[in-house]
Amino acid sequence: MNEGSGEVLKRLKLKAKYTTKELCFKGEKIYVEIKETLEPTLNSKFVAIEVDSGDYFIGNDAIETTERAKKRYPDSTFFLVRIGHSAAFKTNRGIKVLQV
């Protein structure tokens, strides 16, 4: 099957429990609660937050972190942030993704 990116996004949205805005709101709220614990020693690592349970998973990169989270919650979507940074990723044009 050769789907365009728009079709893939539509398919993913149909399965999503939350809108992006809702997921970010819930994830940011949890991150604020745990960041003081994480930031002193884990800066620049990634954290994936399962927003319904509040469980979170730490990793060295986005892939490792989400793979850990998916093992425990295979059907969830996660809020991903880079610890100690204002965003998980930054493009060379300065656009930040998933700001906290």
PDB file of N, CA and C in Angstrom:
ATOM      1  N   MET A   1       0.845  -1.175   0.000  1.00  0.00           N
ATOM      2  CA  MET A   1       0.000   0.000   0.000  1.00  0.00           C
ATOM      3  C   MET A   1       0.891   1.240   0.000  1.00  0.00           C
ATOM      4  N   ASN A   2       0.626   2.157  -0.879  1.00  0.00           N
ATOM      5  CA  ASN A   2       1.434   3.355  -0.986  1.00  0.00           C
ATOM      6  C   ASN A   2       0.586   4.551  -0.560  1.00  0.00           C
ATOM      7  N   GLU A   3       0.644   4.870   0.732  1.00  0.00           N
ATOM      8  CA  GLU A   3      -0.138   5.973   1.268  1.00  0.00           C
ATOM      9  C   GLU A   3       0.685   7.251   1.302  1.00  0.00           C
ATOM     10  N   GLY A   4       0.042   8.371   1.027  1.00  0.00           N
ATOM     11  CA  GLY A   4       0.697   9.653   1.215  1.00  0.00           C
ATOM     12  C   GLY A   4       0.706  10.001   2.685  1.00  0.00           C
ATOM     13  N   SER A   5       1.510  10.978   3.064  1.00  0.00           N
ATOM     14  CA  SER A   5       1.618  11.336   4.482  1.00  0.00           C
ATOM     15  C   SER A   5       0.284  11.805   5.050  1.00  0.00           C
ATOM     16  N   GLY A   6      -0.524  12.472   4.241  1.00  0.00           N
ATOM     17  CA  GLY A   6      -1.836  12.919   4.711  1.00  0.00           C
ATOM     18  C   GLY A   6      -2.738  11.760   5.083  1.00  0.00           C
ATOM     19  N   GLU A   7      -2.691  10.692   4.291  1.00  0.00           N
ATOM     20  CA  GLU A   7      -3.507   9.512   4.581  1.00  0.00           C
ATOM     21  C   GLU A   7      -3.033   8.804   5.839  1.00  0.00           C
ATOM     22  N   VAL A   8      -1.731   8.742   6.040  1.00  0.00           N
ATOM     23  CA  VAL A   8      -1.188   8.119   7.247  1.00  0.00           C
ATOM     24  C   VAL A   8      -1.625   8.911   8.470  1.00  0.00           C
ATOM     25  N   LEU A   9      -1.549  10.235   8.398  1.00  0.00           N
ATOM     26  CA  LEU A   9      -1.969  11.065   9.526  1.00  0.00           C
ATOM     27  C   LEU A   9      -3.448  10.895   9.830  1.00  0.00           C
ATOM     28  N   LYS A  10      -4.287  10.825   8.797  1.00  0.00           N
ATOM     29  CA  LYS A  10      -5.719  10.608   9.016  1.00  0.00           C
ATOM     30  C   LYS A  10      -5.966   9.289   9.730  1.00  0.00           C
ATOM     31  N   ARG A  11      -5.246   8.240   9.285  1.00  0.00           N
ATOM     32  CA  ARG A  11      -5.411   6.926   9.890  1.00  0.00           C
ATOM     33  C   ARG A  11      -4.977   6.939  11.358  1.00  0.00           C
ATOM     34  N   LEU A  12      -3.867   7.612  11.653  1.00  0.00           N
ATOM     35  CA  LEU A  12      -3.384   7.700  13.026  1.00  0.00           C
ATOM     36  C   LEU A  12      -4.330   8.497  13.909  1.00  0.00           C
ATOM     37  N   LYS A  13      -4.890   9.575  13.365  1.00  0.00           N
ATOM     38  CA  LYS A  13      -5.808  10.403  14.145  1.00  0.00           C
ATOM     39  C   LYS A  13      -7.078   9.651  14.506  1.00  0.00           C
ATOM     40  N   LEU A  14      -7.532   8.768  13.632  1.00  0.00           N
ATOM     41  CA  LEU A  14      -8.735   7.999  13.922  1.00  0.00           C
ATOM     42  C   LEU A  14      -8.528   7.083  15.125  1.00  0.00           C
ATOM     43  N   LYS A  15      -7.298   6.601  15.323  1.00  0.00           N
ATOM     44  CA  LYS A  15      -6.984   5.716  16.428  1.00  0.00           C
ATOM     45  C   LYS A  15      -6.582   6.463  17.695  1.00  0.00           C
ATOM     46  N   ALA A  16      -6.299   7.752  17.594  1.00  0.00           N
ATOM     47  CA  ALA A  16      -5.787   8.521  18.723  1.00  0.00           C
ATOM     48  C   ALA A  16      -6.867   8.740  19.780  1.00  0.00           C
ATOM     49  N   LYS A  17      -6.470   8.580  21.023  1.00  0.00           N
ATOM     50  CA  LYS A  17      -7.370   8.798  22.149  1.00  0.00           C
ATOM     51  C   LYS A  17      -7.527  10.286  22.435  1.00  0.00           C
ATOM     52  N   TYR A  18      -6.448  11.053  22.206  1.00  0.00           N
ATOM     53  CA  TYR A  18      -6.431  12.479  22.494  1.00  0.00           C
ATOM     54  C   TYR A  18      -6.010  13.265  21.264  1.00  0.00           C
ATOM     55  N   THR A  19      -6.462  14.511  21.202  1.00  0.00           N
ATOM     56  CA  THR A  19      -5.925  15.408  20.190  1.00  0.00           C
ATOM     57  C   THR A  19      -4.493  15.754  20.604  1.00  0.00           C
ATOM     58  N   THR A  20      -3.723  16.300  19.694  1.00  0.00           N
ATOM     59  CA  THR A  20      -2.353  16.708  20.019  1.00  0.00           C
ATOM     60  C   THR A  20      -2.366  17.723  21.154  1.00  0.00           C
ATOM     61  N   LYS A  21      -3.296  18.655  21.110  1.00  0.00           N
ATOM     62  CA  LYS A  21      -3.398  19.682  22.144  1.00  0.00           C
ATOM     63  C   LYS A  21      -3.692  19.058  23.510  1.00  0.00           C
ATOM     64  N   GLU A  22      -4.607  18.112  23.553  1.00  0.00           N
ATOM     65  CA  GLU A  22      -4.940  17.439  24.816  1.00  0.00           C
ATOM     66  C   GLU A  22      -3.752  16.639  25.354  1.00  0.00           C
ATOM     67  N   LEU A  23      -3.087  15.909  24.463  1.00  0.00           N
ATOM     68  CA  LEU A  23      -1.928  15.112  24.863  1.00  0.00           C
ATOM     69  C   LEU A  23      -0.832  16.014  25.430  1.00  0.00           C
ATOM     70  N   CYS A  24      -0.568  17.117  24.766  1.00  0.00           N
ATOM     71  CA  CYS A  24       0.460  18.050  25.235  1.00  0.00           C
ATOM     72  C   CYS A  24       0.078  18.675  26.571  1.00  0.00           C
ATOM     73  N   PHE A  25      -1.181  19.033  26.734  1.00  0.00           N
ATOM     74  CA  PHE A  25      -1.641  19.614  27.999  1.00  0.00           C
ATOM     75  C   PHE A  25      -1.423  18.636  29.146  1.00  0.00           C
ATOM     76  N   LYS A  26      -1.850  17.393  28.949  1.00  0.00           N
ATOM     77  CA  LYS A  26      -1.693  16.376  29.990  1.00  0.00           C
ATOM     78  C   LYS A  26      -0.222  16.070  30.247  1.00  0.00           C
ATOM     79  N   GLY A  27       0.559  15.932  29.183  1.00  0.00           N
ATOM     80  CA  GLY A  27       1.977  15.621  29.318  1.00  0.00           C
ATOM     81  C   GLY A  27       2.756  16.727  29.999  1.00  0.00           C
ATOM     82  N   GLU A  28       2.473  17.965  29.629  1.00  0.00           N
ATOM     83  CA  GLU A  28       3.157  19.099  30.243  1.00  0.00           C
ATOM     84  C   GLU A  28       2.856  19.176  31.736  1.00  0.00           C
ATOM     85  N   LYS A  29       1.616  18.913  32.096  1.00  0.00           N
ATOM     86  CA  LYS A  29       1.216  18.947  33.511  1.00  0.00           C
ATOM     87  C   LYS A  29       2.014  17.917  34.314  1.00  0.00           C
ATOM     88  N   ILE A  30       2.152  16.729  33.789  1.00  0.00           N
ATOM     89  CA  ILE A  30       2.914  15.681  34.481  1.00  0.00           C
ATOM     90  C   ILE A  30       4.392  16.037  34.512  1.00  0.00           C
ATOM     91  N   TYR A  31       4.922  16.535  33.396  1.00  0.00           N
ATOM     92  CA  TYR A  31       6.347  16.882  33.353  1.00  0.00           C
ATOM     93  C   TYR A  31       6.693  17.939  34.402  1.00  0.00           C
ATOM     94  N   VAL A  32       5.842  18.935  34.571  1.00  0.00           N
ATOM     95  CA  VAL A  32       6.083  19.970  35.576  1.00  0.00           C
ATOM     96  C   VAL A  32       6.197  19.340  36.968  1.00  0.00           C
ATOM     97  N   GLU A  33       5.395  18.314  37.228  1.00  0.00           N
ATOM     98  CA  GLU A  33       5.414  17.652  38.534  1.00  0.00           C
ATOM     99  C   GLU A  33       6.691  16.833  38.766  1.00  0.00           C
ATOM    100  N   ILE A  34       7.295  16.287  37.699  1.00  0.00           N
ATOM    101  CA  ILE A  34       8.447  15.395  37.863  1.00  0.00           C
ATOM    102  C   ILE A  34       9.780  16.028  37.473  1.00  0.00           C
ATOM    103  N   LYS A  35       9.760  17.220  36.883  1.00  0.00           N
ATOM    104  CA  LYS A  35      11.000  17.779  36.333  1.00  0.00           C
ATOM    105  C   LYS A  35      12.057  18.069  37.385  1.00  0.00           C
ATOM    106  N   GLU A  36      11.672  18.447  38.585  1.00  0.00           N
ATOM    107  CA  GLU A  36      12.671  18.703  39.627  1.00  0.00           C
ATOM    108  C   GLU A  36      13.424  17.433  40.009  1.00  0.00           C
ATOM    109  N   THR A  37      12.777  16.309  39.886  1.00  0.00           N
ATOM    110  CA  THR A  37      13.419  15.026  40.160  1.00  0.00           C
ATOM    111  C   THR A  37      14.364  14.648  39.021  1.00  0.00           C
ATOM    112  N   LEU A  38      13.977  14.945  37.792  1.00  0.00           N
ATOM    113  CA  LEU A  38      14.731  14.515  36.618  1.00  0.00           C
ATOM    114  C   LEU A  38      15.894  15.437  36.253  1.00  0.00           C
ATOM    115  N   GLU A  39      15.662  16.732  36.315  1.00  0.00           N
ATOM    116  CA  GLU A  39      16.632  17.680  35.757  1.00  0.00           C
ATOM    117  C   GLU A  39      18.007  17.712  36.432  1.00  0.00           C
ATOM    118  N   PRO A  40      18.125  17.521  37.713  1.00  0.00           N
ATOM    119  CA  PRO A  40      19.480  17.627  38.272  1.00  0.00           C
ATOM    120  C   PRO A  40      20.484  16.609  37.711  1.00  0.00           C
ATOM    121  N   THR A  41      20.007  15.423  37.350  1.00  0.00           N
ATOM    122  CA  THR A  41      20.952  14.373  36.949  1.00  0.00           C
ATOM    123  C   THR A  41      20.731  13.816  35.549  1.00  0.00           C
ATOM    124  N   LEU A  42      19.609  14.114  34.920  1.00  0.00           N
ATOM    125  CA  LEU A  42      19.273  13.474  33.648  1.00  0.00           C
ATOM    126  C   LEU A  42      19.135  14.450  32.481  1.00  0.00           C
ATOM    127  N   ASN A  43      19.694  15.648  32.609  1.00  0.00           N
ATOM    128  CA  ASN A  43      19.586  16.628  31.521  1.00  0.00           C
ATOM    129  C   ASN A  43      20.055  16.054  30.199  1.00  0.00           C
ATOM    130  N   SER A  44      19.325  16.392  29.148  1.00  0.00           N
ATOM    131  CA  SER A  44      19.557  16.007  27.756  1.00  0.00           C
ATOM    132  C   SER A  44      19.126  14.582  27.427  1.00  0.00           C
ATOM    133  N   LYS A  45      18.681  13.812  28.394  1.00  0.00           N
ATOM    134  CA  LYS A  45      18.060  12.522  28.084  1.00  0.00           C
ATOM    135  C   LYS A  45      16.609  12.805  27.706  1.00  0.00           C
ATOM    136  N   PHE A  46      15.923  11.795  27.228  1.00  0.00           N
ATOM    137  CA  PHE A  46      14.524  11.947  26.833  1.00  0.00           C
ATOM    138  C   PHE A  46      13.624  11.264  27.848  1.00  0.00           C
ATOM    139  N   VAL A  47      12.433  11.793  27.989  1.00  0.00           N
ATOM    140  CA  VAL A  47      11.415  11.167  28.832  1.00  0.00           C
ATOM    141  C   VAL A  47      10.137  11.051  28.009  1.00  0.00           C
ATOM    142  N   ALA A  48       9.540   9.847  28.027  1.00  0.00           N
ATOM    143  CA  ALA A  48       8.246   9.596  27.392  1.00  0.00           C
ATOM    144  C   ALA A  48       7.246   9.402  28.517  1.00  0.00           C
ATOM    145  N   ILE A  49       6.187  10.174  28.499  1.00  0.00           N
ATOM    146  CA  ILE A  49       5.186  10.133  29.564  1.00  0.00           C
ATOM    147  C   ILE A  49       3.899   9.522  29.030  1.00  0.00           C
ATOM    148  N   GLU A  50       3.416   8.491  29.731  1.00  0.00           N
ATOM    149  CA  GLU A  50       2.117   7.898  29.435  1.00  0.00           C
ATOM    150  C   GLU A  50       1.120   8.712  30.252  1.00  0.00           C
ATOM    151  N   VAL A  51       0.315   9.526  29.587  1.00  0.00           N
ATOM    152  CA  VAL A  51      -0.459  10.557  30.271  1.00  0.00           C
ATOM    153  C   VAL A  51      -1.621  10.035  31.108  1.00  0.00           C
ATOM    154  N   ASP A  52      -2.118   8.850  30.852  1.00  0.00           N
ATOM    155  CA  ASP A  52      -3.219   8.330  31.654  1.00  0.00           C
ATOM    156  C   ASP A  52      -2.735   7.815  33.009  1.00  0.00           C
ATOM    157  N   SER A  53      -1.589   7.179  33.028  1.00  0.00           N
ATOM    158  CA  SER A  53      -1.070   6.595  34.269  1.00  0.00           C
ATOM    159  C   SER A  53      -0.095   7.515  34.991  1.00  0.00           C
ATOM    160  N   GLY A  54       0.552   8.403  34.244  1.00  0.00           N
ATOM    161  CA  GLY A  54       1.605   9.231  34.812  1.00  0.00           C
ATOM    162  C   GLY A  54       2.953   8.538  34.813  1.00  0.00           C
ATOM    163  N   ASP A  55       2.992   7.285  34.353  1.00  0.00           N
ATOM    164  CA  ASP A  55       4.269   6.560  34.264  1.00  0.00           C
ATOM    165  C   ASP A  55       5.150   7.226  33.220  1.00  0.00           C
ATOM    166  N   TYR A  56       6.454   7.190  33.463  1.00  0.00           N
ATOM    167  CA  TYR A  56       7.374   7.776  32.500  1.00  0.00           C
ATOM    168  C   TYR A  56       8.593   6.889  32.319  1.00  0.00           C
ATOM    169  N   PHE A  57       9.235   7.057  31.178  1.00  0.00           N
ATOM    170  CA  PHE A  57      10.345   6.206  30.763  1.00  0.00           C
ATOM    171  C   PHE A  57      11.478   7.100  30.279  1.00  0.00           C
ATOM    172  N   ILE A  58      12.697   6.793  30.709  1.00  0.00           N
ATOM    173  CA  ILE A  58      13.873   7.592  30.392  1.00  0.00           C
ATOM    174  C   ILE A  58      14.738   6.845  29.381  1.00  0.00           C
ATOM    175  N   GLY A  59      15.335   7.577  28.446  1.00  0.00           N
ATOM    176  CA  GLY A  59      16.253   6.975  27.489  1.00  0.00           C
ATOM    177  C   GLY A  59      17.236   7.995  26.955  1.00  0.00           C
ATOM    178  N   ASN A  60      18.229   7.503  26.247  1.00  0.00           N
ATOM    179  CA  ASN A  60      19.268   8.370  25.684  1.00  0.00           C
ATOM    180  C   ASN A  60      18.830   9.088  24.419  1.00  0.00           C
ATOM    181  N   ASP A  61      17.841   8.525  23.709  1.00  0.00           N
ATOM    182  CA  ASP A  61      17.317   9.167  22.501  1.00  0.00           C
ATOM    183  C   ASP A  61      15.823   8.879  22.395  1.00  0.00           C
ATOM    184  N   ALA A  62      15.185   9.531  21.445  1.00  0.00           N
ATOM    185  CA  ALA A  62      13.737   9.429  21.311  1.00  0.00           C
ATOM    186  C   ALA A  62      13.285   8.005  20.999  1.00  0.00           C
ATOM    187  N   ILE A  63      14.027   7.304  20.154  1.00  0.00           N
ATOM    188  CA  ILE A  63      13.637   5.943  19.765  1.00  0.00           C
ATOM    189  C   ILE A  63      13.742   4.986  20.946  1.00  0.00           C
ATOM    190  N   GLU A  64      14.877   5.001  21.623  1.00  0.00           N
ATOM    191  CA  GLU A  64      15.065   4.127  22.786  1.00  0.00           C
ATOM    192  C   GLU A  64      13.985   4.379  23.841  1.00  0.00           C
ATOM    193  N   THR A  65      13.687   5.638  24.073  1.00  0.00           N
ATOM    194  CA  THR A  65      12.721   6.009  25.099  1.00  0.00           C
ATOM    195  C   THR A  65      11.317   5.535  24.751  1.00  0.00           C
ATOM    196  N   THR A  66      10.895   5.770  23.521  1.00  0.00           N
ATOM    197  CA  THR A  66       9.544   5.344  23.137  1.00  0.00           C
ATOM    198  C   THR A  66       9.438   3.826  23.036  1.00  0.00           C
ATOM    199  N   GLU A  67      10.516   3.152  22.667  1.00  0.00           N
ATOM    200  CA  GLU A  67      10.486   1.681  22.654  1.00  0.00           C
ATOM    201  C   GLU A  67      10.283   1.132  24.061  1.00  0.00           C
ATOM    202  N   ARG A  68      10.942   1.719  25.044  1.00  0.00           N
ATOM    203  CA  ARG A  68      10.742   1.299  26.442  1.00  0.00           C
ATOM    204  C   ARG A  68       9.296   1.511  26.865  1.00  0.00           C
ATOM    205  N   ALA A  69       8.762   2.660  26.519  1.00  0.00           N
ATOM    206  CA  ALA A  69       7.384   2.981  26.889  1.00  0.00           C
ATOM    207  C   ALA A  69       6.393   2.041  26.205  1.00  0.00           C
ATOM    208  N   LYS A  70       6.632   1.741  24.927  1.00  0.00           N
ATOM    209  CA  LYS A  70       5.729   0.870  24.160  1.00  0.00           C
ATOM    210  C   LYS A  70       5.715  -0.564  24.691  1.00  0.00           C
ATOM    211  N   LYS A  71       6.821  -1.006  25.289  1.00  0.00           N
ATOM    212  CA  LYS A  71       6.835  -2.355  25.877  1.00  0.00           C
ATOM    213  C   LYS A  71       5.805  -2.470  26.996  1.00  0.00           C
ATOM    214  N   ARG A  72       5.661  -1.412  27.766  1.00  0.00           N
ATOM    215  CA  ARG A  72       4.715  -1.422  28.893  1.00  0.00           C
ATOM    216  C   ARG A  72       3.304  -1.036  28.452  1.00  0.00           C
ATOM    217  N   TYR A  73       3.215  -0.092  27.528  1.00  0.00           N
ATOM    218  CA  TYR A  73       1.925   0.422  27.062  1.00  0.00           C
ATOM    219  C   TYR A  73       1.882   0.394  25.532  1.00  0.00           C
ATOM    220  N   PRO A  74       1.696  -0.777  24.944  1.00  0.00           N
ATOM    221  CA  PRO A  74       1.790  -0.908  23.483  1.00  0.00           C
ATOM    222  C   PRO A  74       0.753  -0.108  22.691  1.00  0.00           C
ATOM    223  N   ASP A  75      -0.367   0.222  23.294  1.00  0.00           N
ATOM    224  CA  ASP A  75      -1.423   0.920  22.565  1.00  0.00           C
ATOM    225  C   ASP A  75      -1.507   2.412  22.887  1.00  0.00           C
ATOM    226  N   SER A  76      -0.573   2.917  23.662  1.00  0.00           N
ATOM    227  CA  SER A  76      -0.621   4.325  24.075  1.00  0.00           C
ATOM    228  C   SER A  76       0.159   5.229  23.134  1.00  0.00           C
ATOM    229  N   THR A  77      -0.176   6.503  23.217  1.00  0.00           N
ATOM    230  CA  THR A  77       0.595   7.563  22.584  1.00  0.00           C
ATOM    231  C   THR A  77       1.253   8.326  23.716  1.00  0.00           C
ATOM    232  N   PHE A  78       2.495   8.755  23.520  1.00  0.00           N
ATOM    233  CA  PHE A  78       3.269   9.330  24.615  1.00  0.00           C
ATOM    234  C   PHE A  78       3.621  10.789  24.362  1.00  0.00           C
ATOM    235  N   PHE A  79       3.762  11.511  25.452  1.00  0.00           N
ATOM    236  CA  PHE A  79       4.283  12.869  25.423  1.00  0.00           C
ATOM    237  C   PHE A  79       5.788  12.735  25.603  1.00  0.00           C
ATOM    238  N   LEU A  80       6.551  13.250  24.655  1.00  0.00           N
ATOM    239  CA  LEU A  80       8.006  13.097  24.652  1.00  0.00           C
ATOM    240  C   LEU A  80       8.662  14.459  24.813  1.00  0.00           C
ATOM    241  N   VAL A  81       9.620  14.533  25.718  1.00  0.00           N
ATOM    242  CA  VAL A  81      10.344  15.786  25.934  1.00  0.00           C
ATOM    243  C   VAL A  81      11.796  15.464  26.270  1.00  0.00           C
ATOM    244  N   ARG A  82      12.662  16.392  25.952  1.00  0.00           N
ATOM    245  CA  ARG A  82      14.074  16.265  26.297  1.00  0.00           C
ATOM    246  C   ARG A  82      14.285  16.958  27.632  1.00  0.00           C
ATOM    247  N   ILE A  83      14.780  16.250  28.587  1.00  0.00           N
ATOM    248  CA  ILE A  83      14.907  16.743  29.954  1.00  0.00           C
ATOM    249  C   ILE A  83      15.859  17.939  29.999  1.00  0.00           C
ATOM    250  N   GLY A  84      15.385  19.017  30.639  1.00  0.00           N
ATOM    251  CA  GLY A  84      16.192  20.214  30.790  1.00  0.00           C
ATOM    252  C   GLY A  84      16.179  21.136  29.589  1.00  0.00           C
ATOM    253  N   HIS A  85      15.368  20.826  28.574  1.00  0.00           N
ATOM    254  CA  HIS A  85      15.283  21.648  27.366  1.00  0.00           C
ATOM    255  C   HIS A  85      13.851  22.119  27.190  1.00  0.00           C
ATOM    256  N   SER A  86      13.675  23.162  26.407  1.00  0.00           N
ATOM    257  CA  SER A  86      12.333  23.689  26.177  1.00  0.00           C
ATOM    258  C   SER A  86      11.561  22.887  25.128  1.00  0.00           C
ATOM    259  N   ALA A  87      12.246  21.965  24.453  1.00  0.00           N
ATOM    260  CA  ALA A  87      11.590  21.162  23.421  1.00  0.00           C
ATOM    261  C   ALA A  87      12.335  19.847  23.246  1.00  0.00           C
ATOM    262  N   ALA A  88      11.642  18.859  22.683  1.00  0.00           N
ATOM    263  CA  ALA A  88      12.293  17.576  22.428  1.00  0.00           C
ATOM    264  C   ALA A  88      13.272  17.694  21.269  1.00  0.00           C
ATOM    265  N   PHE A  89      12.917  18.469  20.252  1.00  0.00           N
ATOM    266  CA  PHE A  89      13.748  18.604  19.059  1.00  0.00           C
ATOM    267  C   PHE A  89      13.783  20.054  18.616  1.00  0.00           C
ATOM    268  N   LYS A  90      14.822  20.412  17.907  1.00  0.00           N
ATOM    269  CA  LYS A  90      14.933  21.731  17.311  1.00  0.00           C
ATOM    270  C   LYS A  90      15.460  21.556  15.900  1.00  0.00           C
ATOM    271  N   THR A  91      14.792  22.183  14.948  1.00  0.00           N
ATOM    272  CA  THR A  91      15.243  22.095  13.565  1.00  0.00           C
ATOM    273  C   THR A  91      16.294  23.160  13.298  1.00  0.00           C
ATOM    274  N   ASN A  92      16.967  23.036  12.181  1.00  0.00           N
ATOM    275  CA  ASN A  92      17.979  24.036  11.854  1.00  0.00           C
ATOM    276  C   ASN A  92      17.353  25.375  11.469  1.00  0.00           C
ATOM    277  N   ARG A  93      16.062  25.446  11.382  1.00  0.00           N
ATOM    278  CA  ARG A  93      15.378  26.722  11.154  1.00  0.00           C
ATOM    279  C   ARG A  93      14.901  27.334  12.457  1.00  0.00           C
ATOM    280  N   GLY A  94      15.213  26.667  13.574  1.00  0.00           N
ATOM    281  CA  GLY A  94      14.864  27.202  14.872  1.00  0.00           C
ATOM    282  C   GLY A  94      13.468  26.849  15.351  1.00  0.00           C
ATOM    283  N   ILE A  95      12.778  25.972  14.634  1.00  0.00           N
ATOM    284  CA  ILE A  95      11.433  25.582  15.023  1.00  0.00           C
ATOM    285  C   ILE A  95      11.526  24.530  16.117  1.00  0.00           C
ATOM    286  N   LYS A  96      10.837  24.772  17.223  1.00  0.00           N
ATOM    287  CA  LYS A  96      10.863  23.823  18.323  1.00  0.00           C
ATOM    288  C   LYS A  96       9.606  22.958  18.274  1.00  0.00           C
ATOM    289  N   VAL A  97       9.759  21.710  18.606  1.00  0.00           N
ATOM    290  CA  VAL A  97       8.652  20.767  18.594  1.00  0.00           C
ATOM    291  C   VAL A  97       8.390  20.312  20.025  1.00  0.00           C
ATOM    292  N   LEU A  98       7.141  20.208  20.401  1.00  0.00           N
ATOM    293  CA  LEU A  98       6.737  19.774  21.745  1.00  0.00           C
ATOM    294  C   LEU A  98       7.325  20.659  22.833  1.00  0.00           C
ATOM    295  N   GLN A  99       7.005  21.925  22.769  1.00  0.00           N
ATOM    296  CA  GLN A  99       7.519  22.838  23.772  1.00  0.00           C
ATOM    297  C   GLN A  99       6.889  22.580  25.114  1.00  0.00           C
ATOM    298  N   VAL A 100       7.667  22.812  26.147  1.00  0.00           N
ATOM    299  CA  VAL A 100       7.176  22.684  27.533  1.00  0.00           C
ATOM    300  C   VAL A 100       7.273  24.013  28.210  1.00  0.00           C
TER     301      VAL A 100
END
